[in-house]
């Protein structure tokens, strides 16, 4: 009778199922050979397939590039058909690292191009059609069709992006180490604010406005007019130096005092890219929003919101003696500073030229800044002092007095002194469509009459902040119309001669809706900054927009800041010199 001998049983000391990895019997053979997992779908049709190279994973396992299918794309194996041993681990494969695939050609001379004739397997041509193995047409040249059948527009995306210097901007004012930063607010937080404000109360009016010349509305690109140099005086005095505001402060008509140019920058702050700063002075229970002389409020920006805005040349490196001794080159006419001065010149002269000086309308009082010693004639400008109530509840007494400006009026049945027919005049300028910073603007002479919508859309994209500030100023002043002139250079290489190509007329409230400008959001920003400054003690503060980030910061500065010309190059804050074009 056969006997059965029970083999020795090795218990698992780890307490788990199966044999223990630490207690393997010595009589077990092949314990050092790696286990090769297999695939149940492997077919045992042949022992080895020497012709198949698509499933060869030996080269990729050691980091070498895999070879192509020697049989060509037409004889490739059907999807889903596996070779014998495809599930085998690469541990059993033979590796020959010193392979011919590591050979590289030393001669890097470009091969001569083949001209004419036919290529084998498919027909190609320069800029023509080529049929790939996907069966779709591939169009040669830049900006054609890709090999997946879809249209690829724009040609070489990112072409020469490495040459575009992402130059950092400098702050609009030098920040002293003695200043104390009190608050930092990101733009995305400002964009969430909202405050509904009722209609304002008109306090008083000053100045004289001329009638707008309606013949400028009929100008086309074929009947262009040259832009003329008109010598007129127009004042741009800051808030604290305004004698009318000083009188209103003594009457306690409001708590906050400012001008429409300063307030529009604050209300449109989330759109701004260039740096700016607002000087805030708190005296008692009153706040004054001021501007510095020679600051960003005295000039007009150009293509501020473009993806590639105009730039100034980089300053010389003080650590490089070659750059320090080099003679500074004159600035280009298409640099950011030159374009800003050119746009300011165009705006002033277009406003002076497009009015009829023989038809006037006087406001209640004469111009408060025009002294008896002045000899040059005044420009058409009317000042309306208006008070807006920023109180959320009836118990709150937060009012802001704004000096607003209008440039002309349209003759009609209403009285301009009461706000009827008032007009603000602004100008957009075209420099060189092919220059850096043009922002992809179309040629105005060929597109302004036939495709005005494309021109307007491009300007709304490239000058979003500037147009928003102009619109807010017109709404604050209570103007019924905005006149925007399209002015271009007579020659793209000459920034001294300009021509008027067209003039657009629009209502400020409608244009604000097109620009997606929210006045409620602007008033919310003003109320937030006002509450922030009212919590601070009396003194002088400055609100600065970071030159390279979407952030505004509030600093506490000494009372002597911005008042004397010192070694730091800070401006002199005195009587504002008149701006004469």
Protein backbone atom coordinates (compact mmCIF):
# COMPACT_ATOMS: atom_id res chain seq x y z
CA UNK A 1 0.00 0.00 0.00
CA UNK A 2 1.43 3.34 -1.00
CA UNK A 3 2.23 5.68 1.83
CA UNK A 4 1.87 9.40 1.90
CA UNK A 5 4.48 11.49 3.62
CA UNK A 6 3.45 14.96 4.66
CA UNK A 7 6.03 17.53 3.53
CA UNK A 8 7.30 20.03 6.05
CA UNK A 9 5.03 23.02 6.39
CA UNK A 10 6.66 26.39 7.02
CA UNK A 11 4.41 28.71 8.94
CA UNK A 12 4.31 32.37 8.09
CA UNK A 13 5.84 34.23 11.06
CA UNK A 14 4.31 37.48 9.84
CA UNK A 15 0.82 36.13 10.47
CA UNK A 16 -0.38 36.56 6.91
CA UNK A 17 -1.51 34.21 4.15
CA UNK A 18 0.93 32.50 1.83
CA UNK A 19 4.65 31.92 2.23
CA UNK A 20 6.70 34.53 3.96
CA UNK A 21 9.16 36.52 1.92
CA UNK A 22 11.65 36.45 4.79
CA UNK A 23 11.42 32.71 5.45
CA UNK A 24 11.76 31.00 2.07
CA UNK A 25 12.98 27.36 2.18
CA UNK A 26 16.42 26.84 0.70
CA UNK A 27 15.30 23.92 -1.39
CA UNK A 28 13.17 26.25 -3.46
CA UNK A 29 14.98 26.68 -6.73
CA UNK A 30 14.91 29.66 -9.06
CA UNK A 31 14.30 32.03 -6.16
CA UNK A 32 16.64 34.70 -7.56
CA UNK A 33 15.19 34.68 -11.07
CA UNK A 34 12.66 37.51 -11.63
CA UNK A 35 9.10 36.54 -12.30
CA UNK A 36 7.74 37.41 -15.72
CA UNK A 37 4.01 38.22 -15.73
CA UNK A 38 2.29 37.02 -18.84
CA UNK A 39 -0.76 38.13 -20.70
CA UNK A 40 -3.61 35.67 -21.11
CA UNK A 41 -4.29 37.12 -24.54
CA UNK A 42 -0.86 36.14 -25.84
CA UNK A 43 -1.17 33.86 -28.85
CA UNK A 44 1.10 30.86 -29.08
CA UNK A 45 1.25 30.95 -32.84
CA UNK A 46 5.01 31.44 -33.26
CA UNK A 47 7.96 31.16 -31.06
CA UNK A 48 9.47 34.49 -32.09
CA UNK A 49 8.66 37.21 -34.61
CA UNK A 50 11.94 38.63 -35.83
CA UNK A 51 10.28 40.94 -38.36
CA UNK A 52 8.19 42.84 -35.82
CA UNK A 53 9.81 46.00 -34.49
CA UNK A 54 6.73 47.90 -33.33
CA UNK A 55 6.45 45.81 -30.19
CA UNK A 56 10.16 45.88 -29.50
CA UNK A 57 10.52 47.48 -26.12
CA UNK A 58 14.15 46.68 -25.59
CA UNK A 59 15.49 49.96 -26.87
CA UNK A 60 12.98 52.12 -25.09
CA UNK A 61 13.74 50.28 -21.88
CA UNK A 62 17.31 51.53 -21.88
CA UNK A 63 16.46 55.06 -23.04
CA UNK A 64 17.20 54.65 -26.76
CA UNK A 65 14.85 55.91 -29.44
CA UNK A 66 12.63 53.27 -30.88
CA UNK A 67 12.99 52.36 -34.53
CA UNK A 68 10.21 52.72 -37.05
CA UNK A 69 8.29 49.90 -38.60
CA UNK A 70 10.50 48.55 -41.37
CA UNK A 71 7.51 47.34 -43.31
CA UNK A 72 6.11 50.84 -43.70
CA UNK A 73 2.86 52.29 -42.48
CA UNK A 74 0.81 50.35 -44.96
CA UNK A 75 1.78 46.95 -43.53
CA UNK A 76 1.47 47.74 -39.87
CA UNK A 77 -0.29 45.21 -37.63
CA UNK A 78 -3.95 45.71 -37.02
CA UNK A 79 -4.94 47.40 -33.79
CA UNK A 80 -5.62 44.80 -31.10
CA UNK A 81 -3.38 42.07 -32.62
CA UNK A 82 -0.60 41.28 -30.17
CA UNK A 83 2.70 39.56 -30.78
CA UNK A 84 3.74 36.54 -28.80
CA UNK A 85 5.50 37.58 -25.62
CA UNK A 86 4.24 41.12 -25.65
CA UNK A 87 3.42 40.85 -21.98
CA UNK A 88 6.90 39.66 -21.12
CA UNK A 89 8.90 41.82 -18.79
CA UNK A 90 11.93 43.57 -20.19
CA UNK A 91 14.16 41.87 -17.65
CA UNK A 92 14.57 38.89 -20.04
CA UNK A 93 15.37 41.05 -23.08
CA UNK A 94 18.84 41.30 -24.51
CA UNK A 95 20.25 44.81 -24.57
CA UNK A 96 22.99 45.92 -26.90
CA UNK A 97 23.61 49.50 -25.79
CA UNK A 98 26.44 50.14 -28.25
CA UNK A 99 23.98 50.15 -31.07
CA UNK A 100 23.98 51.97 -34.35
CA UNK A 101 21.11 54.13 -33.14
CA UNK A 102 23.59 56.06 -31.00
CA UNK A 103 25.54 57.09 -34.09
CA UNK A 104 25.28 60.79 -34.96
CA UNK A 105 26.38 62.54 -38.12
CA UNK A 106 29.17 65.04 -37.57
CA UNK A 107 28.64 66.91 -40.84
CA UNK A 108 25.91 69.46 -40.10
CA UNK A 109 25.83 70.98 -43.57
CA UNK A 110 22.29 71.58 -44.82
CA UNK A 111 21.26 69.24 -47.58
CA UNK A 112 20.60 70.95 -50.92
CA UNK A 113 16.88 71.40 -51.54
CA UNK A 114 15.25 69.21 -54.12
CA UNK A 115 13.70 71.20 -56.90
CA UNK A 116 11.14 69.74 -59.22
CA UNK A 117 10.37 66.09 -59.75
CA UNK A 118 8.11 63.88 -57.68
CA UNK A 119 8.55 62.45 -54.24
CA UNK A 120 7.82 58.84 -53.69
CA UNK A 121 4.51 58.01 -52.15
CA UNK A 122 2.98 61.48 -52.03
CA UNK A 123 3.03 64.69 -54.03
CA UNK A 124 4.20 67.85 -52.34
CA UNK A 125 5.02 71.34 -53.45
CA UNK A 126 6.03 74.62 -51.93
CA UNK A 127 2.92 76.32 -50.70
CA UNK A 128 0.82 73.65 -52.40
CA UNK A 129 -1.15 70.65 -51.21
CA UNK A 130 0.28 67.49 -49.73
CA UNK A 131 -1.70 64.40 -48.85
CA UNK A 132 -0.52 62.70 -45.70
CA UNK A 133 -1.17 59.20 -44.51
CA UNK A 134 -4.25 60.44 -42.65
CA UNK A 135 -5.94 61.09 -45.95
CA UNK A 136 -6.43 64.82 -45.35
CA UNK A 137 -5.06 67.72 -47.27
CA UNK A 138 -2.19 69.57 -45.69
CA UNK A 139 -1.58 73.02 -47.01
CA UNK A 140 1.96 74.27 -47.09
CA UNK A 141 3.22 77.68 -46.12
CA UNK A 142 2.52 79.73 -43.02
CA UNK A 143 -0.95 79.77 -41.55
CA UNK A 144 -2.27 76.83 -43.57
CA UNK A 145 -4.08 73.72 -42.45
CA UNK A 146 -2.61 71.32 -39.97
CA UNK A 147 -2.32 67.59 -40.54
CA UNK A 148 -5.39 66.78 -38.49
CA UNK A 149 -7.78 68.38 -40.89
CA UNK A 150 -8.53 71.50 -38.86
CA UNK A 151 -7.78 75.06 -39.85
CA UNK A 152 -4.84 76.62 -38.12
CA UNK A 153 -4.91 80.40 -38.23
CA UNK A 154 -2.31 82.91 -37.24
CA UNK A 155 0.70 81.19 -38.76
CA UNK A 156 3.67 80.92 -36.46
CA UNK A 157 2.25 81.52 -33.03
CA UNK A 158 4.78 83.02 -30.66
CA UNK A 159 7.15 83.98 -33.44
CA UNK A 160 10.19 85.76 -31.97
CA UNK A 161 8.61 85.94 -28.54
CA UNK A 162 12.06 85.65 -27.05
CA UNK A 163 12.88 89.10 -28.40
CA UNK A 164 9.98 90.75 -26.61
CA UNK A 165 11.52 92.20 -23.48
CA UNK A 166 9.12 92.05 -20.56
CA UNK A 167 10.41 95.31 -19.20
CA UNK A 168 9.29 96.33 -15.74
CA UNK A 169 7.75 99.76 -15.29
CA UNK A 170 8.93 102.27 -12.75
CA UNK A 171 6.70 103.81 -10.13
CA UNK A 172 5.16 107.20 -10.89
CA UNK A 173 6.70 108.57 -7.68
CA UNK A 174 9.81 107.55 -5.77
CA UNK A 175 8.74 105.75 -2.61
CA UNK A 176 10.78 106.99 0.32
CA UNK A 177 11.89 104.59 3.08
CA UNK A 178 10.33 106.96 5.63
CA UNK A 179 6.87 106.32 4.24
CA UNK A 180 4.60 103.87 6.04
CA UNK A 181 2.38 101.52 4.05
CA UNK A 182 -1.07 101.39 5.64
CA UNK A 183 -3.16 99.34 3.22
CA UNK A 184 -2.82 97.19 0.12
CA UNK A 185 -5.87 96.43 -2.01
CA UNK A 186 -5.94 94.12 -5.03
CA UNK A 187 -7.91 95.07 -8.12
CA UNK A 188 -10.10 91.96 -7.99
CA UNK A 189 -11.37 93.15 -4.59
CA UNK A 190 -12.08 96.61 -5.98
CA UNK A 191 -14.04 95.13 -8.87
CA UNK A 192 -16.57 93.63 -6.43
CA UNK A 193 -17.56 96.95 -4.83
CA UNK A 194 -20.83 98.62 -5.71
CA UNK A 195 -22.66 101.75 -4.60
CA UNK A 196 -25.67 103.35 -6.22
CA UNK A 197 -25.58 107.17 -6.17
CA UNK A 198 -28.45 109.56 -6.85
CA UNK A 199 -28.41 112.54 -9.18
CA UNK A 200 -26.01 115.29 -8.09
CA UNK A 201 -26.73 118.79 -6.89
CA UNK A 202 -25.32 121.65 -8.96
CA UNK A 203 -23.60 124.21 -6.72
CA UNK A 204 -22.22 126.77 -9.16
CA UNK A 205 -20.84 127.24 -12.68
CA UNK A 206 -17.83 129.16 -13.95
CA UNK A 207 -16.24 129.91 -17.30
CA UNK A 208 -17.32 130.35 -20.90
CA UNK A 209 -17.96 127.74 -23.58
CA UNK A 210 -18.00 128.10 -27.35
CA UNK A 211 -20.38 126.43 -29.79
CA UNK A 212 -19.26 123.17 -31.35
CA UNK A 213 -18.66 123.32 -35.10
CA UNK A 214 -20.95 120.67 -36.59
CA UNK A 215 -18.99 120.64 -39.86
CA UNK A 216 -16.46 118.39 -38.13
CA UNK A 217 -19.11 115.68 -37.91
CA UNK A 218 -19.16 115.46 -41.70
CA UNK A 219 -15.43 114.88 -42.17
CA UNK A 220 -14.47 111.63 -43.88
CA UNK A 221 -11.17 110.09 -44.88
CA UNK A 222 -11.60 111.60 -48.35
CA UNK A 223 -12.30 115.09 -46.98
CA UNK A 224 -9.69 115.15 -44.21
CA UNK A 225 -8.69 118.40 -42.54
CA UNK A 226 -5.28 119.33 -41.15
CA UNK A 227 -4.94 119.75 -37.42
CA UNK A 228 -4.03 123.35 -36.66
CA UNK A 229 -1.96 124.82 -33.86
CA UNK A 230 -4.20 127.10 -31.78
CA UNK A 231 -2.71 129.15 -28.92
CA UNK A 232 -5.22 129.14 -26.10
CA UNK A 233 -4.95 128.90 -22.32
CA UNK A 234 -6.62 126.06 -20.45
CA UNK A 235 -6.03 125.54 -16.75
CA UNK A 236 -5.61 122.20 -15.04
CA UNK A 237 -5.34 123.28 -11.40
CA UNK A 238 -5.27 120.74 -8.61
CA UNK A 239 -7.96 120.57 -5.95
CA UNK A 240 -6.23 122.35 -3.08
CA UNK A 241 -5.29 125.37 -5.24
CA UNK A 242 -8.82 125.91 -6.56
CA UNK A 243 -10.16 129.18 -5.08
CA UNK A 244 -13.77 128.10 -5.62
CA UNK A 245 -13.26 124.88 -3.68
CA UNK A 246 -11.68 126.88 -0.87
CA UNK A 247 -14.84 128.95 -0.69
CA UNK A 248 -17.03 125.83 -0.70
CA UNK A 249 -14.96 124.33 2.12
CA UNK A 250 -15.74 127.35 4.29
CA UNK A 251 -19.45 126.74 3.61
CA UNK A 252 -19.17 123.00 4.49
CA UNK A 253 -21.00 121.87 1.36
CA UNK A 254 -19.24 118.46 1.38
CA UNK A 255 -16.66 116.28 3.14
CA UNK A 256 -14.56 115.23 0.12
CA UNK A 257 -13.25 117.56 -2.59
CA UNK A 258 -11.66 116.59 -5.90
CA UNK A 259 -11.75 117.09 -9.67
CA UNK A 260 -13.25 114.89 -12.36
CA UNK A 261 -9.81 114.06 -13.83
CA UNK A 262 -8.55 112.73 -10.48
CA UNK A 263 -11.77 110.94 -9.56
CA UNK A 264 -12.06 109.21 -12.95
CA UNK A 265 -8.65 107.59 -12.43
CA UNK A 266 -9.81 106.22 -9.08
CA UNK A 267 -13.16 105.04 -10.43
CA UNK A 268 -11.48 103.27 -13.36
CA UNK A 269 -8.57 101.91 -11.30
CA UNK A 270 -9.21 98.19 -12.10
CA UNK A 271 -8.63 98.94 -15.81
CA UNK A 272 -5.37 100.83 -15.33
CA UNK A 273 -2.00 99.37 -16.29
CA UNK A 274 0.35 102.35 -16.11
CA UNK A 275 1.37 103.61 -12.66
CA UNK A 276 -0.32 106.64 -11.09
CA UNK A 277 -0.57 108.29 -7.70
CA UNK A 278 -3.10 110.48 -5.89
CA UNK A 279 -2.11 112.74 -2.99
CA UNK A 280 -4.75 112.70 -0.23
CA UNK A 281 -4.80 115.43 2.41
CA UNK A 282 -6.96 115.17 5.48
CA UNK A 283 -7.70 118.35 7.39
CA UNK A 284 -10.25 118.00 10.17
CA UNK A 285 -13.25 116.19 8.75
CA UNK A 286 -12.43 117.03 5.13
CA UNK A 287 -10.53 115.08 2.48
CA UNK A 288 -8.76 116.55 -0.56
CA UNK A 289 -7.76 114.39 -3.51
CA UNK A 290 -4.86 116.18 -5.23
CA UNK A 291 -2.48 115.52 -8.07
CA UNK A 292 1.23 116.21 -8.34
CA UNK A 293 2.60 118.71 -10.82
CA UNK A 294 3.99 116.93 -13.85
CA UNK A 295 2.37 113.66 -12.83
CA UNK A 296 0.44 111.20 -14.98
CA UNK A 297 -2.72 113.35 -14.86
CA UNK A 298 -1.24 115.99 -17.15
CA UNK A 299 -0.71 113.69 -20.14
CA UNK A 300 -2.79 111.22 -22.17
CA UNK A 301 -1.79 107.58 -22.46
CA UNK A 302 -1.60 105.66 -25.76
CA UNK A 303 -2.48 101.95 -26.10
CA UNK A 304 -2.16 101.41 -22.36
CA UNK A 305 -4.21 98.21 -22.42
CA UNK A 306 -2.65 96.69 -25.55
CA UNK A 307 -1.06 93.25 -25.26
CA UNK A 308 2.25 94.77 -26.40
CA UNK A 309 2.04 98.46 -25.42
CA UNK A 310 4.56 101.10 -26.51
CA UNK A 311 7.71 101.12 -24.41
CA UNK A 312 10.43 103.57 -23.59
CA UNK A 313 14.06 102.60 -24.24
CA UNK A 314 15.77 100.92 -21.34
CA UNK A 315 17.84 103.28 -19.19
CA UNK A 316 21.61 102.75 -19.23
CA UNK A 317 23.01 100.30 -16.74
CA UNK A 318 25.00 102.24 -14.11
CA UNK A 319 27.16 99.18 -13.47
CA UNK A 320 28.26 99.01 -17.11
CA UNK A 321 30.85 101.72 -17.85
CA UNK A 322 30.32 101.32 -21.60
CA UNK A 323 26.66 102.29 -21.24
CA UNK A 324 27.37 105.15 -18.83
CA UNK A 325 29.74 106.91 -21.20
CA UNK A 326 27.62 106.34 -24.28
CA UNK A 327 25.83 109.36 -25.70
CA UNK A 328 22.07 108.98 -25.04
CA UNK A 329 20.10 108.58 -28.22
CA UNK A 330 17.11 110.83 -28.87
CA UNK A 331 13.84 109.06 -27.99
CA UNK A 332 11.92 107.45 -30.80
CA UNK A 333 8.74 109.14 -31.98
CA UNK A 334 6.93 105.86 -31.24
CA UNK A 335 8.15 105.46 -27.66
CA UNK A 336 5.65 105.61 -24.81
CA UNK A 337 6.70 109.07 -23.61
CA UNK A 338 6.78 110.60 -27.11
CA UNK A 339 3.36 109.15 -27.97
CA UNK A 340 1.90 110.41 -24.69
CA UNK A 341 3.09 113.96 -25.37
CA UNK A 342 1.83 113.73 -28.95
CA UNK A 343 -1.61 112.53 -27.79
CA UNK A 344 -1.82 115.38 -25.26
CA UNK A 345 -0.95 117.91 -27.97
CA UNK A 346 -3.58 116.41 -30.29
CA UNK A 347 -6.31 116.41 -27.64
CA UNK A 348 -5.79 120.04 -26.73
CA UNK A 349 -5.59 121.38 -30.26
CA UNK A 350 -8.54 119.36 -31.53
CA UNK A 351 -10.69 120.76 -28.73
CA UNK A 352 -9.52 124.30 -29.51
CA UNK A 353 -10.03 123.93 -33.27
CA UNK A 354 -13.45 122.26 -33.38
CA UNK A 355 -15.38 125.15 -31.80
CA UNK A 356 -16.79 128.41 -33.16
CA UNK A 357 -15.37 131.23 -31.10
CA UNK A 358 -17.88 133.78 -32.38
CA UNK A 359 -20.78 131.90 -30.73
CA UNK A 360 -20.35 131.78 -26.95
CA UNK A 361 -22.32 130.96 -23.82
CA UNK A 362 -21.28 132.42 -20.46
CA UNK A 363 -21.76 130.54 -17.22
CA UNK A 364 -22.78 132.22 -13.97
CA UNK A 365 -19.25 133.38 -13.11
CA UNK A 366 -16.09 134.06 -15.12
CA UNK A 367 -13.14 131.69 -15.20
CA UNK A 368 -11.73 131.61 -11.64
CA UNK A 369 -8.14 130.94 -12.76
CA UNK A 370 -7.82 133.68 -15.38
CA UNK A 371 -6.12 136.71 -13.87
CA UNK A 372 -6.21 140.30 -15.11
CA UNK A 373 -2.53 140.14 -16.05
CA UNK A 374 -3.16 137.39 -18.62
CA UNK A 375 -3.00 138.51 -22.24
CA UNK A 376 -3.51 135.29 -24.22
CA UNK A 377 -7.11 134.29 -24.99
CA UNK A 378 -8.87 131.61 -23.00
CA UNK A 379 -9.91 128.29 -24.43
CA UNK A 380 -13.50 127.07 -24.43
CA UNK A 381 -13.96 125.56 -20.98
CA UNK A 382 -16.79 125.54 -18.46
CA UNK A 383 -16.52 124.40 -14.84
CA UNK A 384 -19.48 122.86 -13.05
CA UNK A 385 -19.16 122.26 -9.30
CA UNK A 386 -21.42 119.38 -8.36
CA UNK A 387 -22.06 117.52 -5.11
CA UNK A 388 -22.81 113.79 -4.98
CA UNK A 389 -24.22 112.08 -1.90
CA UNK A 390 -22.26 108.90 -1.06
CA UNK A 391 -24.25 108.08 2.06
CA UNK A 392 -25.63 104.58 2.33
CA UNK A 393 -28.22 105.47 4.98
CA UNK A 394 -30.04 108.73 5.65
CA UNK A 395 -28.02 109.30 8.82
CA UNK A 396 -24.69 109.27 7.03
CA UNK A 397 -23.30 112.57 5.84
CA UNK A 398 -20.72 111.63 3.21
CA UNK A 399 -20.77 114.06 0.30
CA UNK A 400 -18.20 114.66 -2.40
CA UNK A 401 -17.79 117.93 -4.30
CA UNK A 402 -16.33 117.56 -7.79
CA UNK A 403 -15.11 120.22 -10.19
CA UNK A 404 -16.20 118.95 -13.59
CA UNK A 405 -15.29 120.35 -17.01
CA UNK A 406 -17.11 120.67 -20.31
CA UNK A 407 -15.47 121.76 -23.56
CA UNK A 408 -18.28 123.16 -25.73
CA UNK A 409 -22.03 123.21 -26.27
CA UNK A 410 -24.43 122.48 -29.10
CA UNK A 411 -26.72 125.44 -29.80
CA UNK A 412 -30.35 124.58 -29.14
CA UNK A 413 -33.44 125.58 -27.24
CA UNK A 414 -31.94 124.82 -23.80
CA UNK A 415 -29.66 126.99 -21.69
CA UNK A 416 -26.06 125.67 -21.45
CA UNK A 417 -25.79 127.22 -17.99
CA UNK A 418 -28.45 124.78 -16.83
CA UNK A 419 -26.69 121.82 -18.44
CA UNK A 420 -28.44 121.64 -21.80
CA UNK A 421 -26.42 120.71 -24.88
CA UNK A 422 -23.05 120.45 -23.13
CA UNK A 423 -20.30 118.57 -24.96
CA UNK A 424 -16.93 117.07 -24.06
CA UNK A 425 -14.35 116.82 -26.86
CA UNK A 426 -11.62 114.18 -26.98
CA UNK A 427 -9.36 112.70 -29.67
CA UNK A 428 -7.88 109.31 -30.49
CA UNK A 429 -4.64 109.32 -32.44
CA UNK A 430 -3.09 106.87 -34.88
CA UNK A 431 0.69 106.83 -35.19
CA UNK A 432 2.18 103.95 -37.22
CA UNK A 433 0.18 100.72 -37.69
CA UNK A 434 3.41 98.78 -38.29
CA UNK A 435 5.29 100.13 -35.27
CA UNK A 436 5.78 98.30 -32.00
CA UNK A 437 2.88 99.03 -29.67
CA UNK A 438 0.28 99.64 -32.37
CA UNK A 439 -1.80 96.80 -30.90
CA UNK A 440 -2.92 95.37 -34.24
CA UNK A 441 -4.84 98.52 -35.17
CA UNK A 442 -6.12 98.60 -38.77
CA UNK A 443 -5.21 101.38 -41.15
CA UNK A 444 -7.67 104.16 -40.42
CA UNK A 445 -7.55 105.71 -43.88
CA UNK A 446 -8.74 102.49 -45.52
CA UNK A 447 -11.01 101.09 -42.76
CA UNK A 448 -12.53 104.07 -40.94
CA UNK A 449 -15.31 104.68 -43.46
CA UNK A 450 -15.98 101.10 -44.52
CA UNK A 451 -15.27 99.19 -41.27
CA UNK A 452 -15.67 101.69 -38.47
CA UNK A 453 -16.79 98.95 -36.08
CA UNK A 454 -13.44 97.16 -36.38
CA UNK A 455 -11.56 100.40 -35.67
CA UNK A 456 -13.73 101.20 -32.65
CA UNK A 457 -13.42 97.68 -31.28
CA UNK A 458 -9.63 97.79 -31.55
CA UNK A 459 -9.49 101.15 -29.79
CA UNK A 460 -11.82 99.91 -27.05
CA UNK A 461 -9.42 97.02 -26.49
CA UNK A 462 -6.14 98.93 -26.65
CA UNK A 463 -7.34 102.07 -24.84
CA UNK A 464 -9.92 100.64 -22.49
CA UNK A 465 -8.77 102.65 -19.47
CA UNK A 466 -8.46 105.96 -21.36
CA UNK A 467 -11.90 105.68 -22.95
CA UNK A 468 -13.43 104.66 -19.61
CA UNK A 469 -11.93 107.72 -17.89
CA UNK A 470 -13.23 110.02 -20.64
CA UNK A 471 -16.68 108.49 -20.33
CA UNK A 472 -16.74 108.83 -16.53
CA UNK A 473 -15.64 112.47 -16.79
CA UNK A 474 -18.47 113.18 -19.25
CA UNK A 475 -21.04 111.50 -17.00
CA UNK A 476 -19.80 113.36 -13.92
CA UNK A 477 -20.00 116.68 -15.79
CA UNK A 478 -23.53 115.96 -17.00
CA UNK A 479 -22.55 116.31 -20.66
CA UNK A 480 -25.16 115.23 -23.19
CA UNK A 481 -22.67 114.29 -25.92
CA UNK A 482 -19.11 113.09 -26.34
CA UNK A 483 -17.23 114.05 -29.48
CA UNK A 484 -14.27 111.78 -30.26
CA UNK A 485 -12.04 112.72 -33.17
CA UNK A 486 -9.95 110.24 -35.13
CA UNK A 487 -6.65 111.97 -35.88
CA UNK A 488 -3.71 110.43 -37.73
CA UNK A 489 -0.27 111.52 -38.75
CA UNK A 490 0.13 113.02 -42.18
CA UNK A 491 3.21 110.82 -42.54
CA UNK A 492 3.82 107.88 -40.18
CA UNK A 493 7.44 109.03 -39.80
CA UNK A 494 6.51 112.61 -38.84
CA UNK A 495 4.83 113.31 -35.50
CA UNK A 496 4.42 117.07 -36.05
CA UNK A 497 1.77 117.14 -38.80
CA UNK A 498 -1.64 115.56 -38.26
CA UNK A 499 -4.93 115.33 -40.13
CA UNK A 500 -8.50 114.88 -38.86
CA UNK A 501 -10.06 111.82 -40.51
CA UNK A 502 -13.43 111.61 -38.79
CA UNK A 503 -15.43 112.57 -35.71
CA UNK A 504 -17.79 110.30 -33.77
CA UNK A 505 -20.64 111.50 -31.58
CA UNK A 506 -22.15 109.43 -28.79
CA UNK A 507 -24.01 109.73 -25.52
CA UNK A 508 -21.82 109.10 -22.48
CA UNK A 509 -24.26 106.71 -20.78
CA UNK A 510 -24.63 104.61 -23.94
CA UNK A 511 -20.88 104.55 -24.51
CA UNK A 512 -20.36 103.50 -20.89
CA UNK A 513 -22.61 100.52 -21.49
CA UNK A 514 -20.58 99.58 -24.59
CA UNK A 515 -17.35 99.81 -22.64
CA UNK A 516 -18.88 97.85 -19.75
CA UNK A 517 -18.08 100.72 -17.39
CA UNK A 518 -19.98 100.41 -14.11
CA UNK A 519 -20.44 103.74 -12.38
CA UNK A 520 -21.80 101.91 -9.34
CA UNK A 521 -18.50 100.05 -9.08
CA UNK A 522 -16.60 103.33 -9.39
CA UNK A 523 -18.61 104.95 -6.61
CA UNK A 524 -18.01 101.88 -4.45
CA UNK A 525 -14.26 102.31 -4.91
CA UNK A 526 -14.48 106.02 -4.03
CA UNK A 527 -16.51 105.30 -0.90
CA UNK A 528 -14.09 102.56 0.20
CA UNK A 529 -11.02 104.80 -0.15
CA UNK A 530 -12.88 107.63 1.60
CA UNK A 531 -13.80 105.44 4.57
CA UNK A 532 -10.24 104.14 4.71
CA UNK A 533 -8.77 107.64 4.88
CA UNK A 534 -11.39 108.90 7.34
CA UNK A 535 -10.22 106.28 9.83
CA UNK A 536 -6.68 107.64 9.68
CA UNK A 537 -5.47 110.61 11.71
CA UNK A 538 -5.03 114.01 10.13
CA UNK A 539 -2.11 114.23 7.74
CA UNK A 540 -0.99 113.61 4.20
CA UNK A 541 -1.30 110.29 2.39
CA UNK A 542 -0.58 109.06 -1.11
CA UNK A 543 -2.44 106.35 -3.00
CA UNK A 544 -0.07 104.64 -5.44
CA UNK A 545 -0.83 102.12 -8.15
CA UNK A 546 1.87 99.46 -8.29
CA UNK A 547 3.71 99.80 -11.62
CA UNK A 548 3.84 96.05 -12.31
CA UNK A 549 0.98 94.53 -10.29
CA UNK A 550 -2.78 95.00 -10.11
CA UNK A 551 -2.55 96.49 -6.64
CA UNK A 552 -2.99 99.93 -5.07
CA UNK A 553 -1.22 100.88 -1.84
CA UNK A 554 -1.92 103.63 0.65
CA UNK A 555 1.11 105.28 2.27
CA UNK A 556 1.37 107.77 5.10
CA UNK A 557 3.82 110.51 4.09
CA UNK A 558 5.21 113.57 5.89
CA UNK A 559 3.39 116.85 5.46
CA UNK A 560 6.43 118.27 3.67
CA UNK A 561 6.29 115.62 0.92
CA UNK A 562 5.75 116.92 -2.65
CA UNK A 563 6.11 120.55 -1.48
CA UNK A 564 9.79 121.35 -2.03
CA UNK A 565 12.24 120.29 -4.69
CA UNK A 566 14.81 118.12 -2.97
CA UNK A 567 17.49 115.68 -3.93
CA UNK A 568 15.00 112.88 -4.48
CA UNK A 569 13.56 114.75 -7.45
CA UNK A 570 10.09 115.21 -6.00
CA UNK A 571 8.09 117.89 -7.73
CA UNK A 572 7.17 121.33 -6.49
CA UNK A 573 3.57 121.72 -5.45
CA UNK A 574 2.63 125.30 -6.08
CA UNK A 575 0.41 127.14 -8.49
CA UNK A 576 -0.33 124.94 -11.47
CA UNK A 577 1.16 126.42 -14.65
CA UNK A 578 -1.36 126.79 -17.40
CA UNK A 579 -1.15 124.34 -20.29
CA UNK A 580 -0.93 126.13 -23.59
CA UNK A 581 -0.77 124.07 -26.73
